[in-house]
Amino acid sequence: MKVSRIAAAGALAGATVLVLSGPAFAHVSVSAEGTAAKGGYATVNFKVPNERDNASTTKLEVSFPTEHPLASVMPQPVDGWTVKVTRSKLAKPLELHGEKISEAVSKVTWTATGKGVEPGFFQKFPLSVGQLPEDTDELVFKALQTYSNKEVVRWIEVQKDGAEEPDNPAPVLALSAATGDHHGGAAASPEPAEQAAAKTTTTAAEPADSSDTTARVLGVVGIVVGVAGVAYGVAGRRRTTV
């Protein structure tokens, strides 16, 4: 009887923890595919879970940080969604690859053309972004999530040092240290790197194939020589015996 009560209490406590911890994992977030190095380019995904059981997410608006503007933002097509990139004039022009940039992306908006993100599902919205700033460790975005029942959830609260996570935290992209090629050459043009890797693999494989063939030939020659030696020895013994 006591064991049953303890088990029931434990199950209730576990369920309570799941209910209480659920919302912390259900907010709109952003993360990089691989790394997002300072001064380089990266592919990032905005992950949008549906928190409601009676409505679908039909729109996502992401505002870009004005203190660290990004001149290059390219969306990847997402089935069932349209995307609009809004650009705005900069108060202070940027210099990118020796050219002055007078405007940058201020907002990206995805709108569902169908059912959107239904209850129990999530959707990723990919973007290629750059050139990432070198004077900060993170980029803070602000997102608005609109549901089919017209409800709007504002993911705009900035996390403060030492404080608990806010109820509606803004998506934050962590930036890693700049690499040797911190201007993003590899990220911007992956094909040459892949071709170089393929060439390296091919070049490395050729000597291995050649060595393997040589070893097989020598092995066969050794066997033939060995057989010949045995035959010669047997013939010699027969002559001695006679």
Protein backbone atom coordinates (compact mmCIF):
# COMPACT_ATOMS: atom_id res chain seq x y z
CA MET A 1 0.00 0.00 0.00
CA LYS A 2 2.80 2.40 0.93
CA VAL A 3 4.68 1.51 -2.25
CA SER A 4 1.61 2.34 -4.36
CA ARG A 5 1.21 5.71 -2.66
CA ILE A 6 4.88 6.55 -3.14
CA ALA A 7 4.69 5.58 -6.82
CA ALA A 8 1.56 7.70 -7.32
CA ALA A 9 3.18 10.68 -5.61
CA GLY A 10 6.27 10.29 -7.76
CA ALA A 11 4.22 10.14 -10.97
CA LEU A 12 2.29 13.25 -9.95
CA ALA A 13 5.51 15.11 -9.19
CA GLY A 14 6.98 14.07 -12.53
CA ALA A 15 3.89 15.22 -14.39
CA THR A 16 4.01 18.54 -12.56
CA VAL A 17 7.66 19.03 -13.58
CA LEU A 18 6.79 18.30 -17.21
CA VAL A 19 3.90 20.75 -17.17
CA LEU A 20 5.95 23.46 -15.51
CA SER A 21 9.01 22.95 -17.72
CA GLY A 22 7.07 22.64 -20.98
CA PRO A 23 6.70 26.36 -21.80
CA ALA A 24 10.44 26.93 -21.34
CA PHE A 25 11.11 24.74 -24.36
CA ALA A 26 8.27 26.03 -26.51
CA HIS A 27 9.49 29.48 -27.43
CA VAL A 28 10.69 30.69 -30.83
CA SER A 29 14.46 30.17 -31.04
CA VAL A 30 17.34 30.60 -33.49
CA SER A 31 20.42 28.43 -34.03
CA ALA A 32 23.17 28.07 -36.61
CA GLU A 33 23.87 25.09 -38.80
CA GLY A 34 27.41 24.41 -37.67
CA THR A 35 28.99 27.59 -36.35
CA ALA A 36 28.25 31.29 -36.68
CA ALA A 37 31.72 32.83 -36.57
CA LYS A 38 32.27 36.54 -36.08
CA GLY A 39 33.00 38.30 -39.34
CA GLY A 40 31.73 35.38 -41.41
CA TYR A 41 28.54 34.04 -42.93
CA ALA A 42 26.21 31.39 -41.56
CA THR A 43 23.00 29.51 -42.21
CA VAL A 44 20.58 29.91 -39.32
CA ASN A 45 17.20 28.39 -38.55
CA PHE A 46 14.34 30.04 -36.71
CA LYS A 47 12.48 27.21 -34.98
CA VAL A 48 8.79 27.87 -34.37
CA PRO A 49 6.81 25.37 -32.24
CA ASN A 50 3.05 25.55 -31.94
CA GLU A 51 2.05 26.15 -28.31
CA ARG A 52 -1.70 25.97 -28.86
CA ASP A 53 -3.96 22.95 -29.23
CA ASN A 54 -6.80 24.80 -30.98
CA ALA A 55 -5.00 27.06 -33.48
CA SER A 56 -2.20 26.97 -36.06
CA THR A 57 0.75 29.33 -36.44
CA THR A 58 0.15 31.24 -39.67
CA LYS A 59 2.74 34.02 -39.54
CA LEU A 60 6.22 34.74 -38.21
CA GLU A 61 7.85 38.19 -38.19
CA VAL A 62 11.50 38.46 -37.19
CA SER A 63 13.02 41.89 -36.56
CA PHE A 64 16.80 42.19 -37.02
CA PRO A 65 19.07 44.04 -34.58
CA THR A 66 19.63 47.64 -35.62
CA GLU A 67 22.83 48.00 -33.57
CA HIS A 68 24.43 45.18 -35.59
CA PRO A 69 22.83 45.37 -39.06
CA LEU A 70 23.22 42.55 -41.57
CA ALA A 71 23.60 43.54 -45.20
CA SER A 72 23.11 40.06 -46.65
CA VAL A 73 20.06 37.95 -45.76
CA MET A 74 18.82 35.26 -48.14
CA PRO A 75 15.84 33.05 -47.24
CA GLN A 76 15.49 29.43 -48.29
CA PRO A 77 12.06 28.57 -49.74
CA VAL A 78 9.73 26.78 -47.30
CA ASP A 79 6.84 24.74 -48.69
CA GLY A 80 3.48 26.25 -47.80
CA TRP A 81 4.91 29.66 -46.91
CA THR A 82 5.70 32.95 -48.62
CA VAL A 83 8.59 35.10 -47.42
CA LYS A 84 9.21 38.85 -47.56
CA VAL A 85 12.53 40.53 -46.78
CA THR A 86 12.26 44.17 -45.68
CA ARG A 87 15.28 46.46 -45.99
CA SER A 88 15.77 49.85 -44.35
CA LYS A 89 18.20 52.76 -44.69
CA LEU A 90 21.09 52.77 -42.25
CA ALA A 91 21.85 55.80 -40.11
CA LYS A 92 25.54 54.97 -40.59
CA PRO A 93 26.63 53.15 -43.79
CA LEU A 94 28.54 49.87 -43.49
CA GLU A 95 31.66 48.87 -45.37
CA LEU A 96 31.49 45.33 -46.75
CA HIS A 97 34.23 43.88 -48.94
CA GLY A 98 35.44 47.38 -49.75
CA GLU A 99 31.97 48.65 -50.68
CA LYS A 100 29.76 51.01 -48.68
CA ILE A 101 26.34 49.59 -47.80
CA SER A 102 23.64 52.17 -47.08
CA GLU A 103 20.82 49.77 -46.18
CA ALA A 104 20.38 46.48 -44.36
CA VAL A 105 17.65 43.94 -43.62
CA SER A 106 15.35 45.11 -40.85
CA LYS A 107 12.71 42.38 -40.92
CA VAL A 108 11.82 39.02 -42.49
CA THR A 109 8.20 37.87 -42.59
CA TRP A 110 6.90 34.37 -43.35
CA THR A 111 3.17 33.94 -44.07
CA ALA A 112 1.43 30.59 -44.44
CA THR A 113 -0.38 29.87 -47.71
CA GLY A 114 -2.02 26.77 -46.25
CA LYS A 115 -2.64 25.39 -42.77
CA GLY A 116 0.60 26.70 -41.29
CA VAL A 117 2.18 25.05 -38.26
CA GLU A 118 -0.56 22.87 -36.81
CA PRO A 119 -0.89 21.86 -33.13
CA GLY A 120 1.71 19.31 -32.10
CA PHE A 121 4.21 20.37 -34.78
CA PHE A 122 7.06 22.83 -35.32
CA GLN A 123 8.58 24.48 -38.39
CA LYS A 124 12.11 25.67 -39.23
CA PHE A 125 12.68 28.80 -41.31
CA PRO A 126 16.24 28.90 -42.77
CA LEU A 127 18.22 32.02 -43.65
CA SER A 128 21.73 32.63 -44.96
CA VAL A 129 23.05 35.69 -43.12
CA GLY A 130 26.20 37.80 -43.07
CA GLN A 131 28.52 39.44 -42.68
CA LEU A 132 28.26 38.72 -38.95
CA PRO A 133 29.57 41.46 -36.60
CA GLU A 134 32.93 41.10 -34.88
CA ASP A 135 32.24 43.35 -31.89
CA THR A 136 29.61 41.26 -30.09
CA ASP A 137 29.16 37.71 -28.80
CA GLU A 138 25.52 37.38 -29.77
CA LEU A 139 22.71 38.75 -31.91
CA VAL A 140 19.29 39.32 -30.36
CA PHE A 141 16.27 39.09 -32.65
CA LYS A 142 12.66 39.91 -31.80
CA ALA A 143 9.88 37.72 -33.16
CA LEU A 144 6.10 37.92 -33.42
CA GLN A 145 4.19 34.64 -33.75
CA THR A 146 0.65 34.94 -35.08
CA TYR A 147 -1.97 32.19 -34.75
CA SER A 148 -4.99 31.41 -36.91
CA ASN A 149 -7.28 32.73 -34.13
CA LYS A 150 -5.54 36.16 -34.46
CA GLU A 151 -3.58 35.74 -31.23
CA VAL A 152 -0.08 37.28 -31.38
CA VAL A 153 2.72 36.10 -29.09
CA ARG A 154 5.57 38.61 -28.77
CA TRP A 155 8.95 36.92 -28.30
CA ILE A 156 10.79 40.16 -27.52
CA GLU A 157 12.05 40.02 -23.91
CA VAL A 158 15.82 40.23 -23.54
CA GLN A 159 17.53 37.94 -21.05
CA LYS A 160 19.28 39.88 -18.27
CA ASP A 161 22.47 38.66 -16.62
CA GLY A 162 21.78 36.70 -13.44
CA ALA A 163 18.01 36.80 -13.91
CA GLU A 164 15.62 33.96 -14.67
CA GLU A 165 14.56 33.38 -18.25
CA PRO A 166 11.67 35.70 -19.15
CA ASP A 167 8.27 34.36 -20.11
CA ASN A 168 8.65 35.44 -23.73
CA PRO A 169 12.40 35.44 -24.46
CA ALA A 170 13.71 36.88 -27.71
CA PRO A 171 15.64 34.49 -29.99
CA VAL A 172 19.41 34.81 -29.44
CA LEU A 173 22.13 33.67 -31.86
CA ALA A 174 25.48 32.96 -30.17
CA LEU A 175 28.55 33.93 -32.19
CA SER A 176 31.80 31.98 -32.04
CA ALA A 177 35.33 33.35 -32.34
CA ALA A 178 36.49 34.47 -35.77
CA THR A 179 38.28 31.83 -37.81
CA GLY A 180 41.38 32.29 -40.00
CA ASP A 181 39.08 32.86 -43.00
CA HIS A 182 36.68 34.91 -40.89
CA HIS A 183 35.17 36.67 -43.89
CA GLY A 184 33.16 33.58 -44.66
CA GLY A 185 34.74 32.47 -47.93
CA ALA A 186 34.17 28.79 -47.17
CA ALA A 187 30.59 29.32 -46.08
CA ALA A 188 29.76 31.48 -49.07
CA SER A 189 31.15 29.05 -51.63
CA PRO A 190 31.07 25.46 -50.31
CA GLU A 191 31.38 23.82 -53.73
CA PRO A 192 35.13 24.47 -54.24
CA ALA A 193 35.83 23.02 -50.80
CA GLU A 194 33.80 19.93 -51.62
CA GLN A 195 35.61 19.56 -54.94
CA ALA A 196 38.97 19.94 -53.18
CA ALA A 197 37.96 17.25 -50.69
CA ALA A 198 36.93 14.96 -53.54
CA LYS A 199 40.24 15.55 -55.31
CA THR A 200 42.15 14.82 -52.09
CA THR A 201 40.22 11.58 -51.62
CA THR A 202 40.89 10.50 -55.20
CA THR A 203 44.59 11.31 -55.02
CA ALA A 204 44.96 9.47 -51.74
CA ALA A 205 43.11 6.43 -53.06
CA GLU A 206 45.25 5.94 -56.19
CA PRO A 207 48.53 4.95 -54.44
CA ALA A 208 46.59 2.62 -52.16
CA ASP A 209 45.06 0.80 -55.16
CA SER A 210 48.47 0.62 -56.87
CA SER A 211 50.17 -0.75 -53.75
CA ASP A 212 47.43 -3.33 -53.31
CA THR A 213 47.87 -4.56 -56.89
CA THR A 214 51.65 -4.78 -56.50
CA ALA A 215 51.25 -6.75 -53.27
CA ARG A 216 48.94 -9.23 -54.97
CA VAL A 217 51.36 -9.73 -57.88
CA LEU A 218 54.29 -10.30 -55.53
CA GLY A 219 52.19 -12.72 -53.52
CA VAL A 220 51.38 -14.79 -56.59
CA VAL A 221 55.05 -14.76 -57.68
CA GLY A 222 56.06 -15.93 -54.21
CA ILE A 223 53.61 -18.81 -54.34
CA VAL A 224 54.86 -19.88 -57.77
CA VAL A 225 58.47 -19.73 -56.63
CA GLY A 226 57.64 -21.70 -53.51
CA VAL A 227 55.86 -24.42 -55.47
CA ALA A 228 58.77 -24.60 -57.91
CA GLY A 229 61.22 -24.96 -55.01
CA VAL A 230 59.22 -27.78 -53.45
CA ALA A 231 59.02 -29.57 -56.79
CA TYR A 232 62.76 -29.17 -57.31
CA GLY A 233 63.47 -30.54 -53.84
CA VAL A 234 61.25 -33.57 -54.39
CA ALA A 235 62.93 -34.26 -57.75
CA GLY A 236 66.35 -34.04 -56.10
CA ARG A 237 65.39 -36.54 -53.44
CA ARG A 238 64.14 -39.00 -56.05
CA ARG A 239 67.45 -38.79 -57.94
CA THR A 240 69.43 -39.43 -54.75
CA THR A 241 67.26 -42.40 -53.88
CA VAL A 242 67.72 -43.94 -57.33
